[in-house]
Amino acid sequence: MSLNWYRTRGLTRVEHKIATEDSMLYNHSERYTSETITTHYSCGRIDVHNVPHEPHGDEINVPPMLSTDWNQFSNWLDDIQTASVWTLKDLVEAYEHQTNSKITWDTHD
């Protein structure tokens, strides 16, 4: 996601700093602005392999969730095999039930 995505949701912090001699920016300007992301989110897709009649597989779009949840969910998905293609809702319900943890989705609108 772009920095603007984070900005519009109020998930960045802007700081005004003064460069020191050890800074890369020291020769250009003594004052500069730094913007950092305060809460990291991730989104993407789940690649589904071995789908009948789909030679290249399938994919399930995944909306933004906290990056820590994305990493744990992705690790859990690495070991999942199903007899049919599950929906994202089915996968999330199974994940949350088996791991006893809830995914935090982006709710900023």
PDB file of N, CA and C in Angstrom:
ATOM      1  N   MET A   1       0.831  -1.167   0.000  1.00  0.00           N
ATOM      2  CA  MET A   1       0.000   0.000   0.000  1.00  0.00           C
ATOM      3  C   MET A   1       0.882   1.238   0.000  1.00  0.00           C
ATOM      4  N   SER A   2       0.367   2.296  -0.552  1.00  0.00           N
ATOM      5  CA  SER A   2       1.149   3.523  -0.654  1.00  0.00           C
ATOM      6  C   SER A   2       1.130   4.280   0.673  1.00  0.00           C
ATOM      7  N   LEU A   3       2.080   5.182   0.807  1.00  0.00           N
ATOM      8  CA  LEU A   3       2.132   6.021   1.996  1.00  0.00           C
ATOM      9  C   LEU A   3       0.848   6.850   2.099  1.00  0.00           C
ATOM     10  N   ASN A   4       0.274   7.230   0.972  1.00  0.00           N
ATOM     11  CA  ASN A   4      -0.965   7.985   0.987  1.00  0.00           C
ATOM     12  C   ASN A   4      -2.114   7.188   1.606  1.00  0.00           C
ATOM     13  N   TRP A   5      -2.141   5.882   1.395  1.00  0.00           N
ATOM     14  CA  TRP A   5      -3.154   5.014   2.006  1.00  0.00           C
ATOM     15  C   TRP A   5      -3.077   5.152   3.520  1.00  0.00           C
ATOM     16  N   TYR A   6      -1.873   5.137   4.056  1.00  0.00           N
ATOM     17  CA  TYR A   6      -1.681   5.294   5.500  1.00  0.00           C
ATOM     18  C   TYR A   6      -2.047   6.712   5.950  1.00  0.00           C
ATOM     19  N   ARG A   7      -1.660   7.707   5.166  1.00  0.00           N
ATOM     20  CA  ARG A   7      -1.960   9.109   5.513  1.00  0.00           C
ATOM     21  C   ARG A   7      -3.460   9.338   5.651  1.00  0.00           C
ATOM     22  N   THR A   8      -4.252   8.876   4.676  1.00  0.00           N
ATOM     23  CA  THR A   8      -5.690   9.122   4.695  1.00  0.00           C
ATOM     24  C   THR A   8      -6.368   8.442   5.873  1.00  0.00           C
ATOM     25  N   ARG A   9      -5.738   7.457   6.467  1.00  0.00           N
ATOM     26  CA  ARG A   9      -6.296   6.755   7.615  1.00  0.00           C
ATOM     27  C   ARG A   9      -5.711   7.251   8.945  1.00  0.00           C
ATOM     28  N   GLY A  10      -4.856   8.248   8.860  1.00  0.00           N
ATOM     29  CA  GLY A  10      -4.255   8.791  10.080  1.00  0.00           C
ATOM     30  C   GLY A  10      -3.253   7.859  10.726  1.00  0.00           C
ATOM     31  N   LEU A  11      -2.579   7.064   9.903  1.00  0.00           N
ATOM     32  CA  LEU A  11      -1.651   6.055  10.421  1.00  0.00           C
ATOM     33  C   LEU A  11      -0.189   6.432  10.197  1.00  0.00           C
ATOM     34  N   THR A  12       0.081   7.743  10.108  1.00  0.00           N
ATOM     35  CA  THR A  12       1.469   8.207   9.992  1.00  0.00           C
ATOM     36  C   THR A  12       1.725   9.265  11.050  1.00  0.00           C
ATOM     37  N   ARG A  13       2.990   9.444  11.338  1.00  0.00           N
ATOM     38  CA  ARG A  13       3.425  10.484  12.265  1.00  0.00           C
ATOM     39  C   ARG A  13       4.469  11.328  11.557  1.00  0.00           C
ATOM     40  N   VAL A  14       4.282  12.631  11.574  1.00  0.00           N
ATOM     41  CA  VAL A  14       5.225  13.556  10.953  1.00  0.00           C
ATOM     42  C   VAL A  14       6.036  14.205  12.059  1.00  0.00           C
ATOM     43  N   GLU A  15       7.348  14.187  11.879  1.00  0.00           N
ATOM     44  CA  GLU A  15       8.246  14.812  12.848  1.00  0.00           C
ATOM     45  C   GLU A  15       9.156  15.787  12.116  1.00  0.00           C
ATOM     46  N   HIS A  16       9.387  16.900  12.738  1.00  0.00           N
ATOM     47  CA  HIS A  16      10.322  17.884  12.211  1.00  0.00           C
ATOM     48  C   HIS A  16      11.624  17.689  12.966  1.00  0.00           C
ATOM     49  N   LYS A  17      12.695  17.485  12.221  1.00  0.00           N
ATOM     50  CA  LYS A  17      13.979  17.148  12.831  1.00  0.00           C
ATOM     51  C   LYS A  17      15.060  18.118  12.389  1.00  0.00           C
ATOM     52  N   ILE A  18      16.112  18.107  13.133  1.00  0.00           N
ATOM     53  CA  ILE A  18      17.287  18.902  12.791  1.00  0.00           C
ATOM     54  C   ILE A  18      18.417  17.932  12.491  1.00  0.00           C
ATOM     55  N   ALA A  19      19.031  18.103  11.328  1.00  0.00           N
ATOM     56  CA  ALA A  19      20.118  17.211  10.909  1.00  0.00           C
ATOM     57  C   ALA A  19      21.355  17.476  11.757  1.00  0.00           C
ATOM     58  N   THR A  20      22.088  16.417  11.997  1.00  0.00           N
ATOM     59  CA  THR A  20      23.366  16.529  12.695  1.00  0.00           C
ATOM     60  C   THR A  20      24.483  16.259  11.702  1.00  0.00           C
ATOM     61  N   GLU A  21      25.700  16.445  12.145  1.00  0.00           N
ATOM     62  CA  GLU A  21      26.831  16.190  11.247  1.00  0.00           C
ATOM     63  C   GLU A  21      26.886  14.737  10.811  1.00  0.00           C
ATOM     64  N   ASP A  22      26.311  13.842  11.586  1.00  0.00           N
ATOM     65  CA  ASP A  22      26.309  12.413  11.251  1.00  0.00           C
ATOM     66  C   ASP A  22      25.204  12.046  10.265  1.00  0.00           C
ATOM     67  N   SER A  23      24.338  12.985   9.955  1.00  0.00           N
ATOM     68  CA  SER A  23      23.203  12.718   9.090  1.00  0.00           C
ATOM     69  C   SER A  23      23.581  12.848   7.621  1.00  0.00           C
ATOM     70  N   MET A  24      22.961  12.034   6.779  1.00  0.00           N
ATOM     71  CA  MET A  24      23.158  12.129   5.332  1.00  0.00           C
ATOM     72  C   MET A  24      22.647  13.458   4.798  1.00  0.00           C
ATOM     73  N   LEU A  25      21.688  14.068   5.473  1.00  0.00           N
ATOM     74  CA  LEU A  25      21.053  15.286   4.997  1.00  0.00           C
ATOM     75  C   LEU A  25      21.773  16.558   5.443  1.00  0.00           C
ATOM     76  N   TYR A  26      22.805  16.421   6.212  1.00  0.00           N
ATOM     77  CA  TYR A  26      23.436  17.584   6.837  1.00  0.00           C
ATOM     78  C   TYR A  26      23.907  18.622   5.830  1.00  0.00           C
ATOM     79  N   ASN A  27      24.454  18.205   4.707  1.00  0.00           N
ATOM     80  CA  ASN A  27      24.966  19.156   3.723  1.00  0.00           C
ATOM     81  C   ASN A  27      23.859  19.862   2.950  1.00  0.00           C
ATOM     82  N   HIS A  28      22.664  19.268   2.898  1.00  0.00           N
ATOM     83  CA  HIS A  28      21.578  19.825   2.103  1.00  0.00           C
ATOM     84  C   HIS A  28      20.715  20.811   2.888  1.00  0.00           C
ATOM     85  N   SER A  29      20.414  20.509   4.106  1.00  0.00           N
ATOM     86  CA  SER A  29      19.533  21.345   4.908  1.00  0.00           C
ATOM     87  C   SER A  29      19.666  20.925   6.359  1.00  0.00           C
ATOM     88  N   GLU A  30      19.602  21.875   7.235  1.00  0.00           N
ATOM     89  CA  GLU A  30      19.711  21.525   8.652  1.00  0.00           C
ATOM     90  C   GLU A  30      18.393  21.030   9.216  1.00  0.00           C
ATOM     91  N   ARG A  31      17.266  21.431   8.631  1.00  0.00           N
ATOM     92  CA  ARG A  31      15.950  20.998   9.098  1.00  0.00           C
ATOM     93  C   ARG A  31      15.295  20.124   8.022  1.00  0.00           C
ATOM     94  N   TYR A  32      14.610  19.081   8.475  1.00  0.00           N
ATOM     95  CA  TYR A  32      13.889  18.227   7.542  1.00  0.00           C
ATOM     96  C   TYR A  32      12.679  17.614   8.237  1.00  0.00           C
ATOM     97  N   THR A  33      11.785  17.071   7.430  1.00  0.00           N
ATOM     98  CA  THR A  33      10.576  16.439   7.935  1.00  0.00           C
ATOM     99  C   THR A  33      10.673  14.942   7.694  1.00  0.00           C
ATOM    100  N   SER A  34      10.282  14.180   8.700  1.00  0.00           N
ATOM    101  CA  SER A  34      10.292  12.726   8.611  1.00  0.00           C
ATOM    102  C   SER A  34       8.872  12.221   8.860  1.00  0.00           C
ATOM    103  N   GLU A  35       8.391  11.345   7.977  1.00  0.00           N
ATOM    104  CA  GLU A  35       7.066  10.753   8.143  1.00  0.00           C
ATOM    105  C   GLU A  35       7.214   9.250   8.277  1.00  0.00           C
ATOM    106  N   THR A  36       6.649   8.689   9.339  1.00  0.00           N
ATOM    107  CA  THR A  36       6.736   7.255   9.571  1.00  0.00           C
ATOM    108  C   THR A  36       5.342   6.663   9.729  1.00  0.00           C
ATOM    109  N   ILE A  37       5.216   5.415   9.366  1.00  0.00           N
ATOM    110  CA  ILE A  37       3.963   4.679   9.522  1.00  0.00           C
ATOM    111  C   ILE A  37       3.884   4.216  10.969  1.00  0.00           C
ATOM    112  N   THR A  38       2.729   4.455  11.609  1.00  0.00           N
ATOM    113  CA  THR A  38       2.576   4.093  13.020  1.00  0.00           C
ATOM    114  C   THR A  38       2.009   2.690  13.222  1.00  0.00           C
ATOM    115  N   THR A  39       1.194   2.222  12.280  1.00  0.00           N
ATOM    116  CA  THR A  39       0.601   0.884  12.359  1.00  0.00           C
ATOM    117  C   THR A  39       0.667   0.274  10.966  1.00  0.00           C
ATOM    118  N   HIS A  40       1.323  -0.867  10.845  1.00  0.00           N
ATOM    119  CA  HIS A  40       1.531  -1.480   9.530  1.00  0.00           C
ATOM    120  C   HIS A  40       0.408  -2.460   9.184  1.00  0.00           C
ATOM    121  N   TYR A  41      -0.069  -2.342   7.941  1.00  0.00           N
ATOM    122  CA  TYR A  41      -1.091  -3.242   7.405  1.00  0.00           C
ATOM    123  C   TYR A  41      -0.539  -3.942   6.165  1.00  0.00           C
ATOM    124  N   SER A  42      -1.095  -5.115   5.877  1.00  0.00           N
ATOM    125  CA  SER A  42      -0.727  -5.878   4.682  1.00  0.00           C
ATOM    126  C   SER A  42      -1.994  -6.379   4.003  1.00  0.00           C
ATOM    127  N   CYS A  43      -1.924  -6.541   2.690  1.00  0.00           N
ATOM    128  CA  CYS A  43      -3.029  -7.122   1.938  1.00  0.00           C
ATOM    129  C   CYS A  43      -2.434  -7.840   0.735  1.00  0.00           C
ATOM    130  N   GLY A  44      -3.261  -8.589   0.035  1.00  0.00           N
ATOM    131  CA  GLY A  44      -2.751  -9.302  -1.128  1.00  0.00           C
ATOM    132  C   GLY A  44      -3.709 -10.381  -1.577  1.00  0.00           C
ATOM    133  N   ARG A  45      -3.168 -11.551  -1.771  1.00  0.00           N
ATOM    134  CA  ARG A  45      -4.004 -12.641  -2.262  1.00  0.00           C
ATOM    135  C   ARG A  45      -3.492 -13.963  -1.691  1.00  0.00           C
ATOM    136  N   ILE A  46      -4.380 -14.932  -1.721  1.00  0.00           N
ATOM    137  CA  ILE A  46      -4.038 -16.314  -1.378  1.00  0.00           C
ATOM    138  C   ILE A  46      -4.013 -17.069  -2.693  1.00  0.00           C
ATOM    139  N   ASP A  47      -2.892 -17.687  -3.015  1.00  0.00           N
ATOM    140  CA  ASP A  47      -2.791 -18.512  -4.212  1.00  0.00           C
ATOM    141  C   ASP A  47      -3.350 -19.899  -3.890  1.00  0.00           C
ATOM    142  N   VAL A  48      -4.279 -20.349  -4.718  1.00  0.00           N
ATOM    143  CA  VAL A  48      -4.918 -21.649  -4.530  1.00  0.00           C
ATOM    144  C   VAL A  48      -4.393 -22.576  -5.618  1.00  0.00           C
ATOM    145  N   HIS A  49      -3.776 -23.675  -5.204  1.00  0.00           N
ATOM    146  CA  HIS A  49      -3.170 -24.619  -6.149  1.00  0.00           C
ATOM    147  C   HIS A  49      -4.046 -25.861  -6.322  1.00  0.00           C
ATOM    148  N   ASN A  50      -3.829 -26.563  -7.412  1.00  0.00           N
ATOM    149  CA  ASN A  50      -4.497 -27.834  -7.710  1.00  0.00           C
ATOM    150  C   ASN A  50      -6.017 -27.699  -7.774  1.00  0.00           C
ATOM    151  N   VAL A  51      -6.489 -26.657  -8.443  1.00  0.00           N
ATOM    152  CA  VAL A  51      -7.924 -26.441  -8.617  1.00  0.00           C
ATOM    153  C   VAL A  51      -8.345 -27.145  -9.908  1.00  0.00           C
ATOM    154  N   PRO A  52      -9.342 -28.059  -9.827  1.00  0.00           N
ATOM    155  CA  PRO A  52      -9.795 -28.751 -11.038  1.00  0.00           C
ATOM    156  C   PRO A  52     -10.246 -27.766 -12.117  1.00  0.00           C
ATOM    157  N   HIS A  53      -9.858 -28.042 -13.348  1.00  0.00           N
ATOM    158  CA  HIS A  53     -10.222 -27.247 -14.523  1.00  0.00           C
ATOM    159  C   HIS A  53      -9.631 -25.836 -14.515  1.00  0.00           C
ATOM    160  N   GLU A  54      -8.664 -25.583 -13.657  1.00  0.00           N
ATOM    161  CA  GLU A  54      -7.955 -24.294 -13.606  1.00  0.00           C
ATOM    162  C   GLU A  54      -6.458 -24.597 -13.674  1.00  0.00           C
ATOM    163  N   PRO A  55      -5.893 -24.627 -14.875  1.00  0.00           N
ATOM    164  CA  PRO A  55      -4.487 -25.031 -15.011  1.00  0.00           C
ATOM    165  C   PRO A  55      -3.502 -24.126 -14.253  1.00  0.00           C
ATOM    166  N   HIS A  56      -3.888 -22.882 -14.012  1.00  0.00           N
ATOM    167  CA  HIS A  56      -2.983 -21.966 -13.309  1.00  0.00           C
ATOM    168  C   HIS A  56      -3.420 -21.720 -11.875  1.00  0.00           C
ATOM    169  N   GLY A  57      -4.368 -22.502 -11.395  1.00  0.00           N
ATOM    170  CA  GLY A  57      -4.860 -22.328 -10.036  1.00  0.00           C
ATOM    171  C   GLY A  57      -5.839 -21.174  -9.949  1.00  0.00           C
ATOM    172  N   ASP A  58      -6.067 -20.738  -8.747  1.00  0.00           N
ATOM    173  CA  ASP A  58      -7.016 -19.662  -8.492  1.00  0.00           C
ATOM    174  C   ASP A  58      -6.403 -18.745  -7.446  1.00  0.00           C
ATOM    175  N   GLU A  59      -7.060 -17.649  -7.167  1.00  0.00           N
ATOM    176  CA  GLU A  59      -6.572 -16.768  -6.121  1.00  0.00           C
ATOM    177  C   GLU A  59      -7.755 -16.157  -5.383  1.00  0.00           C
ATOM    178  N   ILE A  60      -7.521 -15.854  -4.120  1.00  0.00           N
ATOM    179  CA  ILE A  60      -8.529 -15.233  -3.269  1.00  0.00           C
ATOM    180  C   ILE A  60      -7.955 -13.905  -2.807  1.00  0.00           C
ATOM    181  N   ASN A  61      -8.653 -12.825  -3.099  1.00  0.00           N
ATOM    182  CA  ASN A  61      -8.195 -11.513  -2.662  1.00  0.00           C
ATOM    183  C   ASN A  61      -8.390 -11.365  -1.157  1.00  0.00           C
ATOM    184  N   VAL A  62      -7.402 -10.743  -0.515  1.00  0.00           N
ATOM    185  CA  VAL A  62      -7.441 -10.545   0.931  1.00  0.00           C
ATOM    186  C   VAL A  62      -7.321  -9.047   1.222  1.00  0.00           C
ATOM    187  N   PRO A  63      -8.331  -8.468   1.894  1.00  0.00           N
ATOM    188  CA  PRO A  63      -8.279  -7.045   2.218  1.00  0.00           C
ATOM    189  C   PRO A  63      -7.240  -6.764   3.316  1.00  0.00           C
ATOM    190  N   PRO A  64      -6.946  -5.484   3.553  1.00  0.00           N
ATOM    191  CA  PRO A  64      -5.916  -5.137   4.535  1.00  0.00           C
ATOM    192  C   PRO A  64      -6.219  -5.621   5.952  1.00  0.00           C
ATOM    193  N   MET A  65      -5.186  -6.161   6.569  1.00  0.00           N
ATOM    194  CA  MET A  65      -5.219  -6.576   7.973  1.00  0.00           C
ATOM    195  C   MET A  65      -3.891  -6.156   8.596  1.00  0.00           C
ATOM    196  N   LEU A  66      -3.831  -6.148   9.913  1.00  0.00           N
ATOM    197  CA  LEU A  66      -2.566  -5.838  10.566  1.00  0.00           C
ATOM    198  C   LEU A  66      -1.470  -6.748  10.020  1.00  0.00           C
ATOM    199  N   SER A  67      -0.300  -6.213   9.799  1.00  0.00           N
ATOM    200  CA  SER A  67       0.802  -7.000   9.223  1.00  0.00           C
ATOM    201  C   SER A  67       1.182  -8.185  10.109  1.00  0.00           C
ATOM    202  N   THR A  68       1.110  -8.030  11.422  1.00  0.00           N
ATOM    203  CA  THR A  68       1.425  -9.161  12.306  1.00  0.00           C
ATOM    204  C   THR A  68       0.416 -10.291  12.094  1.00  0.00           C
ATOM    205  N   ASP A  69      -0.857  -9.935  11.911  1.00  0.00           N
ATOM    206  CA  ASP A  69      -1.880 -10.955  11.638  1.00  0.00           C
ATOM    207  C   ASP A  69      -1.669 -11.580  10.266  1.00  0.00           C
ATOM    208  N   TRP A  70      -1.269 -10.752   9.286  1.00  0.00           N
ATOM    209  CA  TRP A  70      -0.982 -11.252   7.936  1.00  0.00           C
ATOM    210  C   TRP A  70       0.109 -12.323   7.991  1.00  0.00           C
ATOM    211  N   ASN A  71       1.167 -12.045   8.726  1.00  0.00           N
ATOM    212  CA  ASN A  71       2.283 -12.999   8.817  1.00  0.00           C
ATOM    213  C   ASN A  71       1.845 -14.308   9.463  1.00  0.00           C
ATOM    214  N   GLN A  72       1.080 -14.228  10.542  1.00  0.00           N
ATOM    215  CA  GLN A  72       0.619 -15.448  11.219  1.00  0.00           C
ATOM    216  C   GLN A  72      -0.377 -16.223  10.357  1.00  0.00           C
ATOM    217  N   PHE A  73      -1.286 -15.501   9.713  1.00  0.00           N
ATOM    218  CA  PHE A  73      -2.273 -16.132   8.831  1.00  0.00           C
ATOM    219  C   PHE A  73      -1.565 -16.810   7.655  1.00  0.00           C
ATOM    220  N   SER A  74      -0.582 -16.131   7.066  1.00  0.00           N
ATOM    221  CA  SER A  74       0.181 -16.701   5.946  1.00  0.00           C
ATOM    222  C   SER A  74       0.899 -17.978   6.358  1.00  0.00           C
ATOM    223  N   ASN A  75       1.510 -17.970   7.533  1.00  0.00           N
ATOM    224  CA  ASN A  75       2.196 -19.176   8.028  1.00  0.00           C
ATOM    225  C   ASN A  75       1.208 -20.319   8.215  1.00  0.00           C
ATOM    226  N   TRP A  76       0.042 -20.013   8.753  1.00  0.00           N
ATOM    227  CA  TRP A  76      -0.988 -21.029   8.943  1.00  0.00           C
ATOM    228  C   TRP A  76      -1.449 -21.586   7.596  1.00  0.00           C
ATOM    229  N   LEU A  77      -1.618 -20.715   6.611  1.00  0.00           N
ATOM    230  CA  LEU A  77      -2.067 -21.146   5.282  1.00  0.00           C
ATOM    231  C   LEU A  77      -1.074 -22.073   4.591  1.00  0.00           C
ATOM    232  N   ASP A  78       0.209 -21.944   4.918  1.00  0.00           N
ATOM    233  CA  ASP A  78       1.230 -22.797   4.293  1.00  0.00           C
ATOM    234  C   ASP A  78       0.941 -24.278   4.490  1.00  0.00           C
ATOM    235  N   ASP A  79       0.258 -24.640   5.569  1.00  0.00           N
ATOM    236  CA  ASP A  79       0.012 -26.050   5.884  1.00  0.00           C
ATOM    237  C   ASP A  79      -1.414 -26.510   5.616  1.00  0.00           C
ATOM    238  N   ILE A  80      -2.236 -25.652   5.024  1.00  0.00           N
ATOM    239  CA  ILE A  80      -3.646 -25.986   4.818  1.00  0.00           C
ATOM    240  C   ILE A  80      -3.855 -26.686   3.474  1.00  0.00           C
ATOM    241  N   GLN A  81      -4.575 -27.795   3.533  1.00  0.00           N
ATOM    242  CA  GLN A  81      -5.016 -28.488   2.321  1.00  0.00           C
ATOM    243  C   GLN A  81      -6.487 -28.814   2.510  1.00  0.00           C
ATOM    244  N   THR A  82      -7.283 -28.495   1.496  1.00  0.00           N
ATOM    245  CA  THR A  82      -8.722 -28.770   1.569  1.00  0.00           C
ATOM    246  C   THR A  82      -9.140 -29.564   0.346  1.00  0.00           C
ATOM    247  N   ALA A  83     -10.261 -30.247   0.465  1.00  0.00           N
ATOM    248  CA  ALA A  83     -10.768 -31.057  -0.651  1.00  0.00           C
ATOM    249  C   ALA A  83     -11.457 -30.186  -1.692  1.00  0.00           C
ATOM    250  N   SER A  84     -11.866 -28.984  -1.306  1.00  0.00           N
ATOM    251  CA  SER A  84     -12.510 -28.048  -2.233  1.00  0.00           C
ATOM    252  C   SER A  84     -11.941 -26.654  -1.958  1.00  0.00           C
ATOM    253  N   VAL A  85     -12.265 -25.720  -2.839  1.00  0.00           N
ATOM    254  CA  VAL A  85     -11.789 -24.349  -2.656  1.00  0.00           C
ATOM    255  C   VAL A  85     -12.672 -23.665  -1.612  1.00  0.00           C
ATOM    256  N   TRP A  86     -12.049 -23.218  -0.542  1.00  0.00           N
ATOM    257  CA  TRP A  86     -12.766 -22.514   0.513  1.00  0.00           C
ATOM    258  C   TRP A  86     -12.826 -21.024   0.195  1.00  0.00           C
ATOM    259  N   THR A  87     -13.810 -20.361   0.749  1.00  0.00           N
ATOM    260  CA  THR A  87     -13.895 -18.906   0.634  1.00  0.00           C
ATOM    261  C   THR A  87     -12.954 -18.286   1.672  1.00  0.00           C
ATOM    262  N   LEU A  88     -12.692 -16.995   1.524  1.00  0.00           N
ATOM    263  CA  LEU A  88     -11.887 -16.298   2.524  1.00  0.00           C
ATOM    264  C   LEU A  88     -12.557 -16.392   3.885  1.00  0.00           C
ATOM    265  N   LYS A  89     -13.873 -16.236   3.917  1.00  0.00           N
ATOM    266  CA  LYS A  89     -14.608 -16.325   5.189  1.00  0.00           C
ATOM    267  C   LYS A  89     -14.386 -17.682   5.857  1.00  0.00           C
ATOM    268  N   ASP A  90     -14.451 -18.765   5.075  1.00  0.00           N
ATOM    269  CA  ASP A  90     -14.225 -20.112   5.622  1.00  0.00           C
ATOM    270  C   ASP A  90     -12.810 -20.250   6.176  1.00  0.00           C
ATOM    271  N   LEU A  91     -11.837 -19.749   5.411  1.00  0.00           N
ATOM    272  CA  LEU A  91     -10.445 -19.834   5.851  1.00  0.00           C
ATOM    273  C   LEU A  91     -10.216 -19.050   7.136  1.00  0.00           C
ATOM    274  N   VAL A  92     -10.757 -17.845   7.196  1.00  0.00           N
ATOM    275  CA  VAL A  92     -10.577 -17.010   8.385  1.00  0.00           C
ATOM    276  C   VAL A  92     -11.233 -17.660   9.599  1.00  0.00           C
ATOM    277  N   GLU A  93     -12.439 -18.183   9.418  1.00  0.00           N
ATOM    278  CA  GLU A  93     -13.118 -18.841  10.540  1.00  0.00           C
ATOM    279  C   GLU A  93     -12.323 -20.036  11.047  1.00  0.00           C
ATOM    280  N   ALA A  94     -11.787 -20.854  10.151  1.00  0.00           N
ATOM    281  CA  ALA A  94     -10.982 -22.006  10.559  1.00  0.00           C
ATOM    282  C   ALA A  94      -9.704 -21.556  11.260  1.00  0.00           C
ATOM    283  N   TYR A  95      -9.048 -20.549  10.708  1.00  0.00           N
ATOM    284  CA  TYR A  95      -7.817 -20.012  11.312  1.00  0.00           C
ATOM    285  C   TYR A  95      -8.080 -19.490  12.720  1.00  0.00           C
ATOM    286  N   GLU A  96      -9.118 -18.657  12.863  1.00  0.00           N
ATOM    287  CA  GLU A  96      -9.397 -18.060  14.169  1.00  0.00           C
ATOM    288  C   GLU A  96      -9.814 -19.121  15.177  1.00  0.00           C
ATOM    289  N   HIS A  97     -10.531 -20.151  14.725  1.00  0.00           N
ATOM    290  CA  HIS A  97     -10.938 -21.237  15.624  1.00  0.00           C
ATOM    291  C   HIS A  97      -9.735 -22.084  16.051  1.00  0.00           C
ATOM    292  N   GLN A  98      -8.894 -22.454  15.092  1.00  0.00           N
ATOM    293  CA  GLN A  98      -7.750 -23.321  15.402  1.00  0.00           C
ATOM    294  C   GLN A  98      -6.654 -22.617  16.188  1.00  0.00           C
ATOM    295  N   THR A  99      -6.430 -21.350  15.917  1.00  0.00           N
ATOM    296  CA  THR A  99      -5.329 -20.631  16.574  1.00  0.00           C
ATOM    297  C   THR A  99      -5.794 -19.812  17.769  1.00  0.00           C
ATOM    298  N   ASN A 100      -7.107 -19.676  17.926  1.00  0.00           N
ATOM    299  CA  ASN A 100      -7.683 -18.878  19.004  1.00  0.00           C
ATOM    300  C   ASN A 100      -7.186 -17.430  18.968  1.00  0.00           C
ATOM    301  N   SER A 101      -7.014 -16.898  17.760  1.00  0.00           N
ATOM    302  CA  SER A 101      -6.640 -15.492  17.614  1.00  0.00           C
ATOM    303  C   SER A 101      -7.510 -14.860  16.534  1.00  0.00           C
ATOM    304  N   LYS A 102      -7.835 -13.584  16.717  1.00  0.00           N
ATOM    305  CA  LYS A 102      -8.688 -12.853  15.790  1.00  0.00           C
ATOM    306  C   LYS A 102      -7.828 -11.994  14.872  1.00  0.00           C
ATOM    307  N   ILE A 103      -8.207 -11.944  13.602  1.00  0.00           N
ATOM    308  CA  ILE A 103      -7.545 -11.063  12.640  1.00  0.00           C
ATOM    309  C   ILE A 103      -8.114  -9.662  12.822  1.00  0.00           C
ATOM    310  N   THR A 104      -7.226  -8.676  12.845  1.00  0.00           N
ATOM    311  CA  THR A 104      -7.630  -7.281  12.909  1.00  0.00           C
ATOM    312  C   THR A 104      -7.603  -6.710  11.497  1.00  0.00           C
ATOM    313  N   TRP A 105      -8.789  -6.428  10.969  1.00  0.00           N
ATOM    314  CA  TRP A 105      -8.946  -5.908   9.616  1.00  0.00           C
ATOM    315  C   TRP A 105      -8.911  -4.388   9.643  1.00  0.00           C
ATOM    316  N   ASP A 106      -8.582  -3.771   8.514  1.00  0.00           N
ATOM    317  CA  ASP A 106      -8.636  -2.327   8.400  1.00  0.00           C
ATOM    318  C   ASP A 106     -10.085  -1.894   8.410  1.00  0.00           C
ATOM    319  N   THR A 107     -10.423  -1.012   9.328  1.00  0.00           N
ATOM    320  CA  THR A 107     -11.795  -0.505   9.413  1.00  0.00           C
ATOM    321  C   THR A 107     -11.834   1.003   9.196  1.00  0.00           C
ATOM    322  N   HIS A 108     -10.727   1.591   8.776  1.00  0.00           N
ATOM    323  CA  HIS A 108     -10.666   3.031   8.523  1.00  0.00           C
ATOM    324  C   HIS A 108     -11.357   3.332   7.188  1.00  0.00           C
ATOM    325  N   ASP A 109     -12.323   4.172   7.205  1.00  0.00           N
ATOM    326  CA  ASP A 109     -12.998   4.536   5.952  1.00  0.00           C
ATOM    327  C   ASP A 109     -13.009   6.021   5.768  1.00  0.00           C
TER     328      ASP A 109
END
